Structures are given as structure tokens and as C-alpha cells.
Amino acid sequence: MDTGTKITLRKNMKSSFLKEFLYVKAFLSEPITVKFPWGEEIIEPPKKLHISDLLFERTYSCIDYLPCKKCCLGLWSLFLVPFTTKESCNIIKPHAIVQNININGKDFEYLCVDHKGVFCPLNTPEVGCTIHVDNPITCMFPLIHFRQYRKDNVNILLGHFGRNWKLGCPVEFRPYHNVEEFNARVLPRFDRLIEYLGKIEVPHKGPEIMDYIYTRRDRLIGNIIPHVPPGGFGLL
């Protein structure tokens, strides 16, 4: 391990990668082995995945609060290279440290951008986020928490992070106008997370989880009589 890597790990790259892989953990169907710079870890699927009704009951748009960038401060942004377009990689590389992570025996390259104590350099006053279409996972789900609880369970909910609240996040939540708004604001994020899981080639329950999201959407927003399979999908 070179000196530069040791320096980044002494900051908070480790906690950033563990946060990144909490999103992965939530959708896993089987354990995976990940070799991080600090050592090997086995990441198990959650014993239970709970998706809060808050995800279906209220929404927000950060675009309404530009040029706010309070979320763009803190942990590292981690860009999986096979998941990020070449155009965005060219913007990211001057600010990034390259880190290879081995997942189930295969190496994957990440571009790691540090914004601990400083605002993310990829967010500019003129245009806001310059790589918004290729946001890393932690930026794809602003205010949508993937929270681990009771050690082996994961809860997905919608609300202010403690850090955002302390920084004065201006977002105010409101009900969805209709199903179409939910589809546009929520479904692409989860679809993209499933695409990410495909890129790192891990076994996952993406289709089953999306079926559950569709069912809850129709019940809580669409006023459609839901079809629940015998026994139900439950909450994993």
C-alpha cells in the first residue's frame, strides 16, 4: 500500500466505502467477499429489508433549492469506472485518487474524490453538479436513507440525515402529485442501483424488490387494488 493510500485511509475513505457497500448489502441475495485496502470483509445479505412507507408518501426536489450544496460536503464520492461515462470520468479524474477494490475475485476500479471539510470540487456555482447524470450511489439517493439497524437489517426511508439537518438543509417534503411523479423521481434511482449491482457482478434480489416497490406504489399512491403473491414478498 503506497503512502497516498495510507493518507486517504487515515481520513475517511474506509467509512465511505462501507457506506457505499451498505447500498449493495441491501439488495444482496448471497454473501460476497470484498477486499478493501484495509483488509477482506464478507458482506452478508440483510436478514430483513424494510422499505418505509415514507418513500411513497412524500417527495422533494433538490433542484428547487439551487445553488444549495449542503450535501456536497463530508465523505468521499466513489465512482465505479465501468458504471460512469467516459465524459464524466474525464471531469472526475483531475480530482480523484484511483482505488482498486476486489469483489468476489474480480478487480474493479473506483475514482475517489475527497470532500471532507471542503465542498465537492465537481459542484460549481455556475451549473451545480457537473456530473449529475453519473452521480455515485451516495449522491443518487439524497435524503433516501439506507440505514443498517440491529446489525443485520437494513431500513430504507425518506427524511433528513442528521448531518444535513445540522447543516441547515432547506428541503421541505410534500405529497406526490400523482403516480407519474413517483415513477420519475424514485424508480430511476433504484433501477440505476440495480444496474450498478450488475456491473460489479453480485447476486441480488433487484427484481423482487422492485416488484414490492410497484405493489406499495399502487396501493399508497395509485389507488389501484394491489396484487400480492401468496405469502407476499414481505420485507425480506
C-alpha atoms as a PDB file:
ATOM      1  CA  MET A   1       0.000   0.000   0.000  1.00  0.00           C
ATOM      2  CA  ASP A   2       1.542   3.316  -1.025  1.00  0.00           C
ATOM      3  CA  THR A   3       1.797   6.418   1.155  1.00  0.00           C
ATOM      4  CA  GLY A   4      -1.002   8.194  -0.656  1.00  0.00           C
ATOM      5  CA  THR A   5      -3.402   5.356   0.070  1.00  0.00           C
ATOM      6  CA  LYS A   6      -2.420   5.343   3.748  1.00  0.00           C
ATOM      7  CA  ILE A   7      -3.159   9.063   3.947  1.00  0.00           C
ATOM      8  CA  THR A   8      -6.628   8.662   2.423  1.00  0.00           C
ATOM      9  CA  LEU A   9      -7.469   5.803   4.753  1.00  0.00           C
ATOM     10  CA  ARG A  10      -6.451   7.901   7.769  1.00  0.00           C
ATOM     11  CA  LYS A  11      -9.086  10.409   6.680  1.00  0.00           C
ATOM     12  CA  ASN A  12     -12.378   8.671   5.996  1.00  0.00           C
ATOM     13  CA  MET A  13     -12.172   6.635   2.797  1.00  0.00           C
ATOM     14  CA  LYS A  14     -12.933   3.483   4.798  1.00  0.00           C
ATOM     15  CA  SER A  15     -16.243   4.793   6.126  1.00  0.00           C
ATOM     16  CA  SER A  16     -17.139   5.993   2.619  1.00  0.00           C
ATOM     17  CA  PHE A  17     -16.610   2.550   1.104  1.00  0.00           C
ATOM     18  CA  LEU A  18     -18.560   0.894   3.913  1.00  0.00           C
ATOM     19  CA  LYS A  19     -21.404   3.338   3.268  1.00  0.00           C
ATOM     20  CA  GLU A  20     -21.229   2.550  -0.465  1.00  0.00           C
ATOM     21  CA  PHE A  21     -21.491  -1.165   0.192  1.00  0.00           C
ATOM     22  CA  LEU A  22     -24.443  -0.729   2.538  1.00  0.00           C
ATOM     23  CA  TYR A  23     -26.473   0.064  -0.598  1.00  0.00           C
ATOM     24  CA  VAL A  24     -25.102  -3.130  -2.143  1.00  0.00           C
ATOM     25  CA  LYS A  25     -25.840  -5.153   1.010  1.00  0.00           C
ATOM     26  CA  ALA A  26     -29.500  -4.107   0.973  1.00  0.00           C
ATOM     27  CA  PHE A  27     -30.102  -5.884  -2.362  1.00  0.00           C
ATOM     28  CA  LEU A  28     -27.807  -8.921  -1.993  1.00  0.00           C
ATOM     29  CA  SER A  29     -29.192 -12.446  -2.275  1.00  0.00           C
ATOM     30  CA  GLU A  30     -25.935 -14.172  -1.292  1.00  0.00           C
ATOM     31  CA  PRO A  31     -22.815 -13.185   0.684  1.00  0.00           C
ATOM     32  CA  ILE A  32     -19.973 -11.520  -1.215  1.00  0.00           C
ATOM     33  CA  THR A  33     -16.262 -11.214  -0.415  1.00  0.00           C
ATOM     34  CA  VAL A  34     -14.760  -7.750  -0.787  1.00  0.00           C
ATOM     35  CA  LYS A  35     -11.057  -6.982  -0.478  1.00  0.00           C
ATOM     36  CA  PHE A  36     -10.722  -3.363   0.635  1.00  0.00           C
ATOM     37  CA  PRO A  37      -7.371  -1.579   1.137  1.00  0.00           C
ATOM     38  CA  TRP A  38      -7.657  -2.273   4.885  1.00  0.00           C
ATOM     39  CA  GLY A  39      -8.498  -5.972   4.525  1.00  0.00           C
ATOM     40  CA  GLU A  40     -11.058  -8.534   3.439  1.00  0.00           C
ATOM     41  CA  GLU A  41     -14.681  -8.406   4.548  1.00  0.00           C
ATOM     42  CA  ILE A  42     -17.648 -10.714   3.996  1.00  0.00           C
ATOM     43  CA  ILE A  43     -20.804  -8.737   3.273  1.00  0.00           C
ATOM     44  CA  GLU A  44     -23.957 -10.685   4.049  1.00  0.00           C
ATOM     45  CA  PRO A  45     -27.474 -10.048   2.703  1.00  0.00           C
ATOM     46  CA  PRO A  46     -29.704  -8.381   5.289  1.00  0.00           C
ATOM     47  CA  LYS A  47     -31.800 -10.704   7.401  1.00  0.00           C
ATOM     48  CA  LYS A  48     -34.603  -8.220   6.879  1.00  0.00           C
ATOM     49  CA  LEU A  49     -35.044  -5.345   4.436  1.00  0.00           C
ATOM     50  CA  HIS A  50     -37.705  -2.813   5.407  1.00  0.00           C
ATOM     51  CA  ILE A  51     -38.891  -0.160   2.940  1.00  0.00           C
ATOM     52  CA  SER A  52     -40.643   2.615   4.837  1.00  0.00           C
ATOM     53  CA  ASP A  53     -43.974   3.970   3.599  1.00  0.00           C
ATOM     54  CA  LEU A  54     -42.359   7.411   3.828  1.00  0.00           C
ATOM     55  CA  LEU A  55     -40.750   6.656   0.464  1.00  0.00           C
ATOM     56  CA  PHE A  56     -44.247   6.543  -1.059  1.00  0.00           C
ATOM     57  CA  GLU A  57     -45.924   9.259   0.986  1.00  0.00           C
ATOM     58  CA  ARG A  58     -43.743  12.299   0.363  1.00  0.00           C
ATOM     59  CA  THR A  59     -41.184  13.753  -2.012  1.00  0.00           C
ATOM     60  CA  TYR A  60     -38.920  16.741  -2.642  1.00  0.00           C
ATOM     61  CA  SER A  61     -36.569  18.153  -5.265  1.00  0.00           C
ATOM     62  CA  CYS A  62     -33.097  19.490  -4.539  1.00  0.00           C
ATOM     63  CA  ILE A  63     -33.377  21.401  -7.835  1.00  0.00           C
ATOM     64  CA  ASP A  64     -35.902  23.670  -6.124  1.00  0.00           C
ATOM     65  CA  TYR A  65     -33.157  24.840  -3.749  1.00  0.00           C
ATOM     66  CA  LEU A  66     -30.238  25.537  -6.097  1.00  0.00           C
ATOM     67  CA  PRO A  67     -27.497  26.677  -5.615  1.00  0.00           C
ATOM     68  CA  CYS A  68     -27.641  24.805  -2.265  1.00  0.00           C
ATOM     69  CA  LYS A  69     -24.843  22.234  -1.979  1.00  0.00           C
ATOM     70  CA  LYS A  70     -25.013  21.323   1.689  1.00  0.00           C
ATOM     71  CA  CYS A  71     -24.977  17.596   0.831  1.00  0.00           C
ATOM     72  CA  CYS A  72     -21.738  18.033  -1.158  1.00  0.00           C
ATOM     73  CA  LEU A  73     -19.578  18.117   1.954  1.00  0.00           C
ATOM     74  CA  GLY A  74     -18.286  15.253   4.052  1.00  0.00           C
ATOM     75  CA  LEU A  75     -17.490  11.739   2.848  1.00  0.00           C
ATOM     76  CA  TRP A  76     -15.677  10.713  -0.307  1.00  0.00           C
ATOM     77  CA  SER A  77     -17.549  10.352  -3.590  1.00  0.00           C
ATOM     78  CA  LEU A  78     -16.777   6.943  -5.102  1.00  0.00           C
ATOM     79  CA  PHE A  79     -17.215   6.486  -8.852  1.00  0.00           C
ATOM     80  CA  LEU A  80     -17.229   2.930 -10.179  1.00  0.00           C
ATOM     81  CA  VAL A  81     -15.468   3.338 -13.520  1.00  0.00           C
ATOM     82  CA  PRO A  82     -17.496   0.738 -15.528  1.00  0.00           C
ATOM     83  CA  PHE A  83     -20.637   2.486 -14.241  1.00  0.00           C
ATOM     84  CA  THR A  84     -19.556   6.039 -15.103  1.00  0.00           C
ATOM     85  CA  THR A  85     -19.475   7.504 -18.608  1.00  0.00           C
ATOM     86  CA  LYS A  86     -16.138   8.389 -20.182  1.00  0.00           C
ATOM     87  CA  GLU A  87     -17.216  12.025 -20.359  1.00  0.00           C
ATOM     88  CA  SER A  88     -17.798  12.189 -16.606  1.00  0.00           C
ATOM     89  CA  CYS A  89     -14.605  10.219 -15.894  1.00  0.00           C
ATOM     90  CA  ASN A  90     -12.639  12.888 -17.749  1.00  0.00           C
ATOM     91  CA  ILE A  91     -14.142  15.557 -15.453  1.00  0.00           C
ATOM     92  CA  ILE A  92     -13.594  13.484 -12.317  1.00  0.00           C
ATOM     93  CA  LYS A  93     -10.017  12.228 -12.862  1.00  0.00           C
ATOM     94  CA  PRO A  94      -8.143  15.507 -12.110  1.00  0.00           C
ATOM     95  CA  HIS A  95      -9.722  15.495  -8.628  1.00  0.00           C
ATOM     96  CA  ALA A  96      -9.583  11.771  -7.928  1.00  0.00           C
ATOM     97  CA  ILE A  97      -7.434   9.045  -6.405  1.00  0.00           C
ATOM     98  CA  VAL A  98      -7.697   5.683  -8.168  1.00  0.00           C
ATOM     99  CA  GLN A  99      -8.503   2.732  -5.889  1.00  0.00           C
ATOM    100  CA  ASN A 100      -8.999  -0.890  -6.924  1.00  0.00           C
ATOM    101  CA  ILE A 101     -11.492  -2.998  -4.970  1.00  0.00           C
ATOM    102  CA  ASN A 102     -11.711  -6.774  -5.418  1.00  0.00           C
ATOM    103  CA  ILE A 103     -15.256  -8.181  -5.325  1.00  0.00           C
ATOM    104  CA  ASN A 104     -15.687 -11.945  -5.434  1.00  0.00           C
ATOM    105  CA  GLY A 105     -12.272 -12.345  -7.053  1.00  0.00           C
ATOM    106  CA  LYS A 106     -12.633  -9.590  -9.673  1.00  0.00           C
ATOM    107  CA  ASP A 107     -10.937  -6.173  -9.562  1.00  0.00           C
ATOM    108  CA  PHE A 108     -12.993  -3.018 -10.060  1.00  0.00           C
ATOM    109  CA  GLU A 109     -11.610   0.498 -10.410  1.00  0.00           C
ATOM    110  CA  TYR A 110     -13.048   3.410  -8.453  1.00  0.00           C
ATOM    111  CA  LEU A 111     -12.299   7.108  -8.827  1.00  0.00           C
ATOM    112  CA  CYS A 112     -12.341   8.532  -5.291  1.00  0.00           C
ATOM    113  CA  VAL A 113     -12.952  12.255  -4.724  1.00  0.00           C
ATOM    114  CA  ASP A 114     -12.361  13.664  -1.251  1.00  0.00           C
ATOM    115  CA  HIS A 115     -14.602  16.421   0.058  1.00  0.00           C
ATOM    116  CA  LYS A 116     -14.058  16.084   3.766  1.00  0.00           C
ATOM    117  CA  GLY A 117     -14.008  19.613   5.161  1.00  0.00           C
ATOM    118  CA  VAL A 118     -14.397  21.147   1.679  1.00  0.00           C
ATOM    119  CA  PHE A 119     -17.225  21.180  -0.820  1.00  0.00           C
ATOM    120  CA  CYS A 120     -17.099  18.648  -3.618  1.00  0.00           C
ATOM    121  CA  PRO A 121     -14.995  20.143  -6.460  1.00  0.00           C
ATOM    122  CA  LEU A 122     -17.410  18.648  -9.006  1.00  0.00           C
ATOM    123  CA  ASN A 123     -20.144  21.046  -7.861  1.00  0.00           C
ATOM    124  CA  THR A 124     -19.743  24.540  -9.318  1.00  0.00           C
ATOM    125  CA  PRO A 125     -21.691  27.778  -8.623  1.00  0.00           C
ATOM    126  CA  GLU A 126     -22.392  28.177 -12.340  1.00  0.00           C
ATOM    127  CA  VAL A 127     -24.083  24.851 -13.135  1.00  0.00           C
ATOM    128  CA  GLY A 128     -24.284  22.944  -9.847  1.00  0.00           C
ATOM    129  CA  CYS A 129     -23.241  19.280 -10.088  1.00  0.00           C
ATOM    130  CA  THR A 130     -21.190  18.876 -13.268  1.00  0.00           C
ATOM    131  CA  ILE A 131     -21.602  15.080 -13.399  1.00  0.00           C
ATOM    132  CA  HIS A 132     -25.179  14.805 -12.108  1.00  0.00           C
ATOM    133  CA  VAL A 133     -26.199  12.107 -14.593  1.00  0.00           C
ATOM    134  CA  ASP A 134     -23.341   9.915 -13.332  1.00  0.00           C
ATOM    135  CA  ASN A 135     -23.682  10.561  -9.606  1.00  0.00           C
ATOM    136  CA  PRO A 136     -22.235   7.868  -7.332  1.00  0.00           C
ATOM    137  CA  ILE A 137     -24.651   5.839  -5.227  1.00  0.00           C
ATOM    138  CA  THR A 138     -24.426   8.085  -2.186  1.00  0.00           C
ATOM    139  CA  CYS A 139     -25.419  11.081  -4.333  1.00  0.00           C
ATOM    140  CA  MET A 140     -28.107   9.160  -6.248  1.00  0.00           C
ATOM    141  CA  PHE A 141     -30.185   8.788  -3.105  1.00  0.00           C
ATOM    142  CA  PRO A 142     -30.100  12.188  -1.386  1.00  0.00           C
ATOM    143  CA  LEU A 143     -32.361  12.075   1.672  1.00  0.00           C
ATOM    144  CA  ILE A 144     -33.266   8.452   0.893  1.00  0.00           C
ATOM    145  CA  HIS A 145     -31.540   6.575   3.705  1.00  0.00           C
ATOM    146  CA  PHE A 146     -30.199   3.056   3.548  1.00  0.00           C
ATOM    147  CA  ARG A 147     -29.781   2.592   7.283  1.00  0.00           C
ATOM    148  CA  GLN A 148     -28.422  -0.516   8.987  1.00  0.00           C
ATOM    149  CA  TYR A 149     -30.083  -1.404  12.262  1.00  0.00           C
ATOM    150  CA  ARG A 150     -29.909  -4.326  14.688  1.00  0.00           C
ATOM    151  CA  LYS A 151     -26.632  -5.236  12.965  1.00  0.00           C
ATOM    152  CA  ASP A 152     -28.051  -7.412  10.172  1.00  0.00           C
ATOM    153  CA  ASN A 153     -31.125  -5.467   8.988  1.00  0.00           C
ATOM    154  CA  VAL A 154     -31.465  -2.576   6.536  1.00  0.00           C
ATOM    155  CA  ASN A 155     -34.166   0.095   6.549  1.00  0.00           C
ATOM    156  CA  ILE A 156     -34.845   2.317   3.510  1.00  0.00           C
ATOM    157  CA  LEU A 157     -36.634   5.537   4.424  1.00  0.00           C
ATOM    158  CA  LEU A 158     -37.014   9.132   3.322  1.00  0.00           C
ATOM    159  CA  GLY A 159     -36.054  12.024   5.573  1.00  0.00           C
ATOM    160  CA  HIS A 160     -33.338  14.448   6.587  1.00  0.00           C
ATOM    161  CA  PHE A 161     -29.998  12.952   7.545  1.00  0.00           C
ATOM    162  CA  GLY A 162     -28.754  14.204  10.896  1.00  0.00           C
ATOM    163  CA  ARG A 163     -25.777  15.775   9.146  1.00  0.00           C
ATOM    164  CA  ASN A 164     -27.991  17.581   6.617  1.00  0.00           C
ATOM    165  CA  TRP A 165     -30.295  18.835   9.355  1.00  0.00           C
ATOM    166  CA  LYS A 166     -27.343  20.223  11.319  1.00  0.00           C
ATOM    167  CA  LEU A 167     -26.082  21.968   8.183  1.00  0.00           C
ATOM    168  CA  GLY A 168     -29.473  23.586   7.663  1.00  0.00           C
ATOM    169  CA  CYS A 169     -30.852  21.524   4.767  1.00  0.00           C
ATOM    170  CA  PRO A 170     -33.692  23.659   3.314  1.00  0.00           C
ATOM    171  CA  VAL A 171     -35.697  20.778   1.801  1.00  0.00           C
ATOM    172  CA  GLU A 172     -39.389  20.631   2.696  1.00  0.00           C
ATOM    173  CA  PHE A 173     -41.316  17.446   1.911  1.00  0.00           C
ATOM    174  CA  ARG A 174     -44.734  17.289   0.250  1.00  0.00           C
ATOM    175  CA  PRO A 175     -47.051  14.538  -1.061  1.00  0.00           C
ATOM    176  CA  TYR A 176     -46.605  13.240  -4.600  1.00  0.00           C
ATOM    177  CA  HIS A 177     -48.881  14.851  -7.144  1.00  0.00           C
ATOM    178  CA  ASN A 178     -49.513  11.505  -8.851  1.00  0.00           C
ATOM    179  CA  VAL A 179     -48.023   8.110  -9.704  1.00  0.00           C
ATOM    180  CA  GLU A 180     -46.157   9.590 -12.662  1.00  0.00           C
ATOM    181  CA  GLU A 181     -44.196  11.888 -10.344  1.00  0.00           C
ATOM    182  CA  PHE A 182     -43.255   8.941  -8.125  1.00  0.00           C
ATOM    183  CA  ASN A 183     -42.161   6.973 -11.194  1.00  0.00           C
ATOM    184  CA  ALA A 184     -39.959   9.819 -12.404  1.00  0.00           C
ATOM    185  CA  ARG A 185     -38.336  10.605  -9.053  1.00  0.00           C
ATOM    186  CA  VAL A 186     -37.922   7.220  -7.414  1.00  0.00           C
ATOM    187  CA  LEU A 187     -37.843   4.377  -9.918  1.00  0.00           C
ATOM    188  CA  PRO A 188     -34.797   5.567 -11.944  1.00  0.00           C
ATOM    189  CA  ARG A 189     -32.707   5.668  -8.760  1.00  0.00           C
ATOM    190  CA  PHE A 190     -33.476   2.070  -7.872  1.00  0.00           C
ATOM    191  CA  ASP A 191     -33.109   0.959 -11.494  1.00  0.00           C
ATOM    192  CA  ARG A 192     -29.665   2.533 -11.552  1.00  0.00           C
ATOM    193  CA  LEU A 193     -28.665   0.836  -8.309  1.00  0.00           C
ATOM    194  CA  ILE A 194     -29.646  -2.487  -9.898  1.00  0.00           C
ATOM    195  CA  GLU A 195     -27.504  -1.570 -12.914  1.00  0.00           C
ATOM    196  CA  TYR A 196     -24.617  -0.899 -10.506  1.00  0.00           C
ATOM    197  CA  LEU A 197     -25.060  -4.349  -8.939  1.00  0.00           C
ATOM    198  CA  GLY A 198     -24.880  -5.833 -12.420  1.00  0.00           C
ATOM    199  CA  LYS A 199     -21.634  -4.010 -13.140  1.00  0.00           C
ATOM    200  CA  ILE A 200     -19.951  -5.454 -10.043  1.00  0.00           C
ATOM    201  CA  GLU A 201     -21.478  -8.851 -10.851  1.00  0.00           C
ATOM    202  CA  VAL A 202     -23.011  -9.653  -7.473  1.00  0.00           C
ATOM    203  CA  PRO A 203     -26.103 -11.840  -6.855  1.00  0.00           C
ATOM    204  CA  HIS A 204     -29.070  -9.686  -5.921  1.00  0.00           C
ATOM    205  CA  LYS A 205     -32.840  -9.537  -5.415  1.00  0.00           C
ATOM    206  CA  GLY A 206     -33.388  -6.467  -7.546  1.00  0.00           C
ATOM    207  CA  PRO A 207     -36.439  -7.760  -9.483  1.00  0.00           C
ATOM    208  CA  GLU A 208     -38.210  -8.948  -6.326  1.00  0.00           C
ATOM    209  CA  ILE A 209     -37.554  -5.674  -4.524  1.00  0.00           C
ATOM    210  CA  MET A 210     -38.820  -3.670  -7.496  1.00  0.00           C
ATOM    211  CA  ASP A 211     -41.989  -5.799  -7.563  1.00  0.00           C
ATOM    212  CA  TYR A 212     -42.554  -4.896  -3.924  1.00  0.00           C
ATOM    213  CA  ILE A 213     -41.985  -1.193  -4.667  1.00  0.00           C
ATOM    214  CA  TYR A 214     -44.520  -1.335  -7.515  1.00  0.00           C
ATOM    215  CA  THR A 215     -47.060  -3.009  -5.225  1.00  0.00           C
ATOM    216  CA  ARG A 216     -46.652  -0.432  -2.450  1.00  0.00           C
ATOM    217  CA  ARG A 217     -46.727   2.393  -5.011  1.00  0.00           C
ATOM    218  CA  ASP A 218     -50.037   1.239  -6.449  1.00  0.00           C
ATOM    219  CA  ARG A 219     -51.562   0.784  -3.003  1.00  0.00           C
ATOM    220  CA  LEU A 220     -50.390   4.072  -1.483  1.00  0.00           C
ATOM    221  CA  ILE A 221     -50.319   6.403  -4.490  1.00  0.00           C
ATOM    222  CA  GLY A 222     -52.156   4.897  -7.432  1.00  0.00           C
ATOM    223  CA  ASN A 223     -55.331   3.753  -5.677  1.00  0.00           C
ATOM    224  CA  ILE A 224     -55.008   0.514  -7.622  1.00  0.00           C
ATOM    225  CA  ILE A 225     -56.045  -2.755  -5.997  1.00  0.00           C
ATOM    226  CA  PRO A 226     -52.649  -4.419  -5.455  1.00  0.00           C
ATOM    227  CA  HIS A 227     -51.835  -7.958  -6.377  1.00  0.00           C
ATOM    228  CA  VAL A 228     -49.830  -9.592  -3.591  1.00  0.00           C
ATOM    229  CA  PRO A 229     -48.418 -13.066  -4.299  1.00  0.00           C
ATOM    230  CA  PRO A 230     -49.348 -15.863  -1.884  1.00  0.00           C
ATOM    231  CA  GLY A 231     -47.286 -15.297   1.236  1.00  0.00           C
ATOM    232  CA  GLY A 232     -46.338 -11.880  -0.097  1.00  0.00           C
ATOM    233  CA  PHE A 233     -42.905 -10.544  -0.836  1.00  0.00           C
ATOM    234  CA  GLY A 234     -42.866  -9.259   2.717  1.00  0.00           C
ATOM    235  CA  LEU A 235     -39.886  -7.141   3.612  1.00  0.00           C
ATOM    236  CA  LEU A 236     -37.166  -9.744   3.151  1.00  0.00           C
END
